[in-house]
Amino acid sequence: MPFAELEANRIHLPPMPQDEQEISVAHEYLHLAFAHHPAGKRERFVERLARTLVVQEED
């Protein structure tokens, strides 16, 4: 399971399919980016934004 280690500013990502990997990296990066903002703890917000960013990038 991917996760962000906020204290160390790291993202841990296991092997997975490329499309899911891109979304997971974006998701965990957003947790780091919003670490000091209440929205950074809202999983639905972070997941929706990550998917939006990855899909827009592909267009």
C-alpha atoms as a PDB file:
ATOM      1  CA  MET A   1       0.000   0.000   0.000  1.00  0.00           C
ATOM      2  CA  PRO A   2       1.451   3.404  -0.967  1.00  0.00           C
ATOM      3  CA  PHE A   3       1.929   5.963   1.785  1.00  0.00           C
ATOM      4  CA  ALA A   4       3.607   9.287   2.494  1.00  0.00           C
ATOM      5  CA  GLU A   5       6.029   9.613   5.378  1.00  0.00           C
ATOM      6  CA  LEU A   6       5.328  13.247   6.272  1.00  0.00           C
ATOM      7  CA  GLU A   7       8.148  13.651   8.798  1.00  0.00           C
ATOM      8  CA  ALA A   8      10.783  12.520   6.292  1.00  0.00           C
ATOM      9  CA  ASN A   9       9.115  13.991   3.175  1.00  0.00           C
ATOM     10  CA  ARG A  10       9.133  10.579   1.468  1.00  0.00           C
ATOM     11  CA  ILE A  11       6.691   8.598  -0.618  1.00  0.00           C
ATOM     12  CA  HIS A  12       6.773   4.798  -0.393  1.00  0.00           C
ATOM     13  CA  LEU A  13       5.336   3.039  -3.418  1.00  0.00           C
ATOM     14  CA  PRO A  14       5.242  -0.739  -4.028  1.00  0.00           C
ATOM     15  CA  PRO A  15       5.284  -2.205  -7.556  1.00  0.00           C
ATOM     16  CA  MET A  16       1.920  -1.773  -9.311  1.00  0.00           C
ATOM     17  CA  PRO A  17       0.456  -1.109 -12.785  1.00  0.00           C
ATOM     18  CA  GLN A  18       1.658   2.153 -14.383  1.00  0.00           C
ATOM     19  CA  ASP A  19      -1.706   3.959 -14.393  1.00  0.00           C
ATOM     20  CA  GLU A  20      -2.366   3.194 -10.729  1.00  0.00           C
ATOM     21  CA  GLN A  21       1.216   4.104  -9.880  1.00  0.00           C
ATOM     22  CA  GLU A  22       0.825   7.578 -11.375  1.00  0.00           C
ATOM     23  CA  ILE A  23      -2.358   8.206  -9.417  1.00  0.00           C
ATOM     24  CA  SER A  24      -0.763   6.860  -6.221  1.00  0.00           C
ATOM     25  CA  VAL A  25       2.302   9.078  -6.580  1.00  0.00           C
ATOM     26  CA  ALA A  26       0.089  12.123  -7.186  1.00  0.00           C
ATOM     27  CA  HIS A  27      -2.093  11.156  -4.207  1.00  0.00           C
ATOM     28  CA  GLU A  28       0.831  10.785  -1.801  1.00  0.00           C
ATOM     29  CA  TYR A  29       2.518  13.935  -3.118  1.00  0.00           C
ATOM     30  CA  LEU A  30      -0.684  15.867  -2.376  1.00  0.00           C
ATOM     31  CA  HIS A  31      -0.601  14.569   1.193  1.00  0.00           C
ATOM     32  CA  LEU A  32       2.914  16.026   1.479  1.00  0.00           C
ATOM     33  CA  ALA A  33       1.951  19.276  -0.260  1.00  0.00           C
ATOM     34  CA  PHE A  34      -1.063  19.778   1.999  1.00  0.00           C
ATOM     35  CA  ALA A  35       0.609  18.485   5.166  1.00  0.00           C
ATOM     36  CA  HIS A  36      -0.047  21.735   7.044  1.00  0.00           C
ATOM     37  CA  HIS A  37      -3.537  22.286   5.670  1.00  0.00           C
ATOM     38  CA  PRO A  38      -6.703  20.563   6.915  1.00  0.00           C
ATOM     39  CA  ALA A  39      -7.534  19.392   3.369  1.00  0.00           C
ATOM     40  CA  GLY A  40      -4.388  17.234   3.390  1.00  0.00           C
ATOM     41  CA  LYS A  41      -6.066  14.824   5.796  1.00  0.00           C
ATOM     42  CA  ARG A  42      -9.258  14.452   3.741  1.00  0.00           C
ATOM     43  CA  GLU A  43      -8.784  11.268   1.699  1.00  0.00           C
ATOM     44  CA  ARG A  44     -11.663  11.907  -0.687  1.00  0.00           C
ATOM     45  CA  PHE A  45     -10.373  15.406  -1.518  1.00  0.00           C
ATOM     46  CA  VAL A  46      -6.811  14.158  -2.058  1.00  0.00           C
ATOM     47  CA  GLU A  47      -7.888  11.165  -4.159  1.00  0.00           C
ATOM     48  CA  ARG A  48     -10.240  13.217  -6.339  1.00  0.00           C
ATOM     49  CA  LEU A  49      -7.580  15.881  -6.934  1.00  0.00           C
ATOM     50  CA  ALA A  50      -4.909  13.258  -7.726  1.00  0.00           C
ATOM     51  CA  ARG A  51      -7.145  11.557 -10.281  1.00  0.00           C
ATOM     52  CA  THR A  52      -8.050  14.923 -11.819  1.00  0.00           C
ATOM     53  CA  LEU A  53      -4.389  15.887 -12.161  1.00  0.00           C
ATOM     54  CA  VAL A  54      -3.349  12.570 -13.707  1.00  0.00           C
ATOM     55  CA  VAL A  55      -6.263  12.423 -16.147  1.00  0.00           C
ATOM     56  CA  GLN A  56      -5.727  16.039 -17.272  1.00  0.00           C
ATOM     57  CA  GLU A  57      -2.040  15.286 -17.789  1.00  0.00           C
ATOM     58  CA  GLU A  58      -2.931  12.454 -20.197  1.00  0.00           C
ATOM     59  CA  ASP A  59      -5.169  14.664 -22.411  1.00  0.00           C
END
